[in-house]
Protein backbone atom coordinates (compact mmCIF):
# COMPACT_ATOMS: atom_id res chain seq x y z
CA UNK A 1 335.56 49.00 -65.12
CA UNK A 2 337.27 51.29 -61.91
CA UNK A 3 335.68 53.72 -63.53
CA UNK A 4 332.19 52.48 -63.15
CA UNK A 5 332.76 50.27 -59.98
CA UNK A 6 333.60 53.92 -58.37
CA UNK A 7 329.97 55.37 -60.15
CA UNK A 8 328.37 53.10 -58.44
CA UNK A 9 329.70 53.28 -55.19
CA UNK A 10 329.50 57.36 -55.16
CA UNK A 11 325.90 56.58 -56.19
CA UNK A 12 325.05 54.62 -53.78
CA UNK A 13 327.07 56.59 -50.48
CA UNK A 14 325.15 59.49 -52.23
CA UNK A 15 321.91 56.74 -51.66
CA UNK A 16 322.51 55.99 -48.22
CA UNK A 17 323.81 59.11 -47.44
CA UNK A 18 320.16 61.08 -48.34
CA UNK A 19 318.73 57.95 -46.41
CA UNK A 20 320.53 58.49 -43.55
CA UNK A 21 319.42 62.30 -43.63
CA UNK A 22 316.05 61.94 -43.72
CA UNK A 23 315.74 59.13 -40.87
CA UNK A 24 318.13 62.00 -38.83
CA UNK A 25 315.67 64.83 -39.16
CA UNK A 26 312.34 62.22 -38.57
CA UNK A 27 313.49 61.51 -35.63
CA UNK A 28 314.66 65.27 -34.17
CA UNK A 29 311.02 66.07 -34.98
CA UNK A 30 310.14 63.25 -32.00
CA UNK A 31 312.51 64.10 -29.81
CA UNK A 32 311.17 67.23 -29.88
CA UNK A 33 307.46 66.76 -29.66
CA UNK A 34 308.82 64.13 -27.01
CA UNK A 35 310.91 67.17 -24.97
CA UNK A 36 308.07 69.48 -25.81
CA UNK A 37 305.25 67.12 -24.22
CA UNK A 38 307.38 66.77 -21.08
CA UNK A 39 307.93 70.00 -20.63
CA UNK A 40 304.12 70.48 -20.72
CA UNK A 41 303.57 67.28 -18.27
CA UNK A 42 306.38 69.08 -16.15
CA UNK A 43 304.57 72.89 -15.79
CA UNK A 44 301.09 70.94 -15.44
CA UNK A 45 302.49 68.68 -12.17
CA UNK A 46 304.72 72.32 -11.19
CA UNK A 47 301.38 73.92 -10.57
CA UNK A 48 299.68 71.57 -9.45
CA UNK A 49 302.24 70.81 -6.59
CA UNK A 50 301.99 74.88 -6.18
CA UNK A 51 298.51 74.31 -5.71
CA UNK A 52 298.76 71.52 -3.40
CA UNK A 53 301.29 73.73 -1.44
CA UNK A 54 299.42 76.46 -1.23
CA UNK A 55 296.68 74.65 0.48
CA UNK A 56 298.87 72.68 2.47
CA UNK A 57 300.03 75.88 4.14
CA UNK A 58 296.65 77.29 4.18
CA UNK A 59 295.60 73.64 5.95
CA UNK A 60 298.68 74.18 8.71
CA UNK A 61 297.25 77.81 8.53
CA UNK A 62 294.13 77.46 9.85
CA UNK A 63 295.14 74.85 12.56
CA UNK A 64 298.02 77.54 14.22
CA UNK A 65 295.16 79.51 14.47
CA UNK A 66 292.74 77.35 15.73
CA UNK A 67 295.68 76.14 18.56
CA UNK A 68 296.06 79.51 19.17
CA UNK A 69 292.50 80.34 19.99
CA UNK A 70 292.65 76.38 22.23
CA UNK A 71 296.02 77.79 24.08
CA UNK A 72 294.44 80.96 24.86
CA UNK A 73 290.42 79.55 26.17
CA UNK A 74 292.99 76.62 28.29
CA UNK A 75 295.02 79.68 29.22
CA UNK A 76 291.54 81.89 30.19
CA UNK A 77 290.37 78.78 32.25
CA UNK A 78 293.52 78.36 34.51
CA UNK A 79 293.14 82.22 35.03
CA UNK A 80 289.89 81.15 35.78
CA UNK A 81 290.92 77.98 38.02
CA UNK A 82 293.26 80.26 39.67
CA UNK A 83 291.06 83.12 40.99
CA UNK A 84 288.52 80.60 41.83
CA UNK A 85 291.02 78.78 43.97
CA UNK A 86 291.94 82.58 45.70
CA UNK A 87 288.82 83.10 46.18
CA UNK A 88 287.81 79.26 47.96
CA UNK A 89 291.05 79.82 49.73
CA UNK A 90 289.97 83.33 51.25
CA UNK A 91 286.73 81.92 52.34
CA UNK A 92 288.27 79.71 53.72
CA UNK A 93 290.51 81.75 55.70
CA UNK A 94 287.28 83.35 56.87
CA UNK A 95 285.44 80.84 57.58
CA UNK A 96 288.62 79.76 59.47
CA UNK A 97 288.33 82.89 60.75
CA UNK A 98 284.46 82.47 62.30
CA UNK A 99 285.17 79.31 63.28
CA UNK A 100 287.72 79.79 66.35
CA UNK A 101 285.81 82.82 66.73
CA UNK A 102 282.42 80.91 67.60
CA UNK A 103 284.96 78.43 69.15
CA UNK A 104 286.38 81.62 71.76
CA UNK A 105 283.04 82.51 72.45
CA UNK A 106 281.34 78.80 72.46
CA UNK A 107 284.40 78.31 75.55
CA UNK A 108 283.21 81.37 77.03
CA UNK A 109 279.84 80.66 77.18
CA UNK A 110 280.90 77.20 78.78
CA UNK A 111 282.79 78.20 81.20
CA UNK A 112 280.10 80.93 82.36
CA UNK A 113 278.00 78.56 82.16
CA UNK A 114 279.08 76.61 84.31
CA UNK A 115 280.05 79.30 86.74
CA UNK A 116 275.76 79.92 86.45
CA UNK A 117 275.29 76.50 87.26
CA UNK A 118 277.97 75.68 90.05
CA UNK A 119 277.13 79.29 91.95
CA UNK A 120 273.10 78.64 91.45
CA UNK A 121 273.42 74.97 92.85
CA UNK A 122 275.08 76.72 95.50
CA UNK A 123 271.84 79.60 95.97
CA UNK A 124 269.51 76.48 96.27
CA UNK A 125 271.40 74.62 98.93
CA UNK A 126 272.19 77.04 100.51
CA UNK A 127 268.15 78.16 100.59
CA UNK A 128 268.02 74.57 101.10
CA UNK A 129 270.22 73.94 103.72
CA UNK A 130 268.12 77.07 105.36
CA UNK A 131 264.51 75.98 105.39
CA UNK A 132 265.23 72.60 106.37
CA UNK A 133 266.86 74.11 109.28
CA UNK A 134 264.26 75.94 110.36
CA UNK A 135 261.36 72.59 110.45
CA UNK A 136 264.35 71.29 112.84
CA UNK A 137 264.22 73.81 114.84
CA UNK A 138 260.00 74.14 114.87
CA UNK A 139 259.31 76.61 112.71
CA UNK A 140 257.26 75.20 110.13
CA UNK A 141 255.83 78.30 108.85
CA UNK A 142 259.13 79.76 107.91
CA UNK A 143 260.29 76.28 106.38
CA UNK A 144 256.84 75.96 104.64
CA UNK A 145 258.03 79.54 103.31
CA UNK A 146 260.94 78.93 102.40
CA UNK A 147 260.62 74.98 100.26
CA UNK A 148 257.69 76.91 98.57
CA UNK A 149 260.35 79.52 97.41
CA UNK A 150 262.68 76.78 96.42
CA UNK A 151 260.13 75.02 94.73
CA UNK A 152 258.53 78.18 92.57
CA UNK A 153 262.15 78.96 91.61
CA UNK A 154 263.37 76.31 90.80
CA UNK A 155 261.20 73.34 89.49
CA UNK A 156 263.85 71.92 87.30
CA UNK A 157 266.05 70.80 90.50
CA UNK A 158 266.05 68.21 92.17
CA UNK A 159 266.29 70.55 95.41
CA UNK A 160 262.86 71.44 93.73
CA UNK A 161 260.92 68.66 93.57
CA UNK A 162 261.75 67.54 96.94
CA UNK A 163 261.43 71.44 98.47
CA UNK A 164 257.02 70.13 97.77
CA UNK A 165 257.13 67.17 99.61
CA UNK A 166 258.79 68.73 102.76
CA UNK A 167 255.63 71.16 102.50
CA UNK A 168 253.50 68.43 102.72
CA UNK A 169 255.39 67.91 106.02
CA UNK A 170 255.35 71.40 107.47
CA UNK A 171 251.47 71.31 106.88
CA UNK A 172 251.60 67.76 108.18
CA UNK A 173 253.75 69.08 111.76
CA UNK A 174 251.51 71.26 112.05
CA UNK A 175 248.06 69.06 112.37
CA UNK A 176 246.98 70.38 108.85
CA UNK A 177 245.94 66.97 107.51
CA UNK A 178 243.88 67.83 104.91
CA UNK A 179 246.09 69.76 103.59
CA UNK A 180 249.08 68.17 104.06
CA UNK A 181 247.09 65.43 102.33
CA UNK A 182 245.89 67.51 99.68
CA UNK A 183 250.22 68.34 98.84
CA UNK A 184 251.33 64.94 98.83
CA UNK A 185 249.36 63.34 96.63
CA UNK A 186 250.54 66.15 94.57
CA UNK A 187 253.72 65.13 95.03
CA UNK A 188 252.79 61.41 94.50
CA UNK A 189 251.21 62.79 91.02
CA UNK A 190 253.59 65.02 89.89
CA UNK A 191 256.75 63.20 91.16
CA UNK A 192 255.94 59.71 91.00
CA UNK A 193 259.15 58.15 90.94
CA UNK A 194 260.36 60.94 93.31
CA UNK A 195 263.42 60.60 95.78
CA UNK A 196 261.04 60.98 98.58
CA UNK A 197 258.03 58.93 96.42
CA UNK A 198 257.99 56.34 99.07
CA UNK A 199 258.20 58.49 101.99
CA UNK A 200 255.35 60.14 100.57
CA UNK A 201 253.18 57.42 99.92
CA UNK A 202 253.73 56.29 103.92
CA UNK A 203 253.12 59.79 105.28
CA UNK A 204 249.86 60.37 102.87
CA UNK A 205 248.47 57.12 105.09
CA UNK A 206 249.03 58.91 107.67
CA UNK A 207 247.18 61.56 106.93
CA UNK A 208 244.78 59.34 105.73
CA UNK A 209 244.73 57.53 109.07
CA UNK A 210 244.23 61.26 110.95
CA UNK A 211 241.10 62.40 108.68
CA UNK A 212 239.61 58.20 109.46
CA UNK A 213 239.70 57.61 105.71
CA UNK A 214 240.76 54.02 106.25
CA UNK A 215 239.57 52.91 102.78
CA UNK A 216 242.28 55.12 100.78
CA UNK A 217 244.63 54.46 103.88
CA UNK A 218 245.18 51.14 102.72
CA UNK A 219 244.57 52.20 99.34
CA UNK A 220 247.36 54.02 99.57
CA UNK A 221 250.06 51.75 101.34
CA UNK A 222 248.67 49.00 99.23
CA UNK A 223 250.56 51.04 96.81
CA UNK A 224 253.42 51.48 98.58
CA UNK A 225 253.66 48.13 99.43
CA UNK A 226 254.35 46.95 95.64
CA UNK A 227 256.48 50.18 95.23
CA UNK A 228 258.84 50.08 98.04
CA UNK A 229 258.24 46.74 99.12
CA UNK A 230 262.15 46.80 101.15
CA UNK A 231 261.79 50.10 102.47
CA UNK A 232 261.54 50.94 105.77
CA UNK A 233 258.28 53.32 105.50
CA UNK A 234 256.75 50.51 103.74
CA UNK A 235 258.13 47.89 107.16
CA UNK A 236 256.19 51.07 109.60
CA UNK A 237 253.27 50.62 107.77
CA UNK A 238 252.81 47.22 107.71
CA UNK A 239 253.42 47.44 111.56
CA UNK A 240 251.10 50.01 111.88
CA UNK A 241 248.72 47.81 109.68
CA UNK A 242 248.90 45.38 112.12
């Protein structure tokens, strides 16, 4: 019996060993297949990663190249701005120089004009004083010539305007009433608001009186009363009218 049992045990061991060996071979083959599949997937993933890395590197290269171009353009623009500022500063300095030069010339001209004006004013005053002195001395022809010279040379000055009135006075003093009338009437028309307008109206009335032009005298003195009611000339005209 023992031998039979030993035989059965041996047979069972052999069968079990062969079954395990078959299973082991199958499992090993499956593992090799899984290993090969994983290797293929890893290889594919590696290639994909390499491609992605190359793509990223190319993108980085393009970005850097674009940045470099932008930086170069920005530097050029900054250089242009700096050049423009330098040019503007240069032009401003030139403008300042021209302005200063113009200011100096203007000040010099104003000073020269002021001096010329003062000198001219002194000349007119002196000529007017001489003509007035001749009139007061009874040298009416000489005085009239002097007043005429002032009126023609300095018509815009106050003495030039007044000189036209005094030419009428010189003619009236020489009893040339018709000529005096024309001179005084011209003054009244040219300078209605002149310094001698009131006395010119009064003197014009006297001319009309001497010429027996009573109607004209009344009209011109009426204008005198309206224009210069409180003047000495208006009071004298009223006295003569009464």
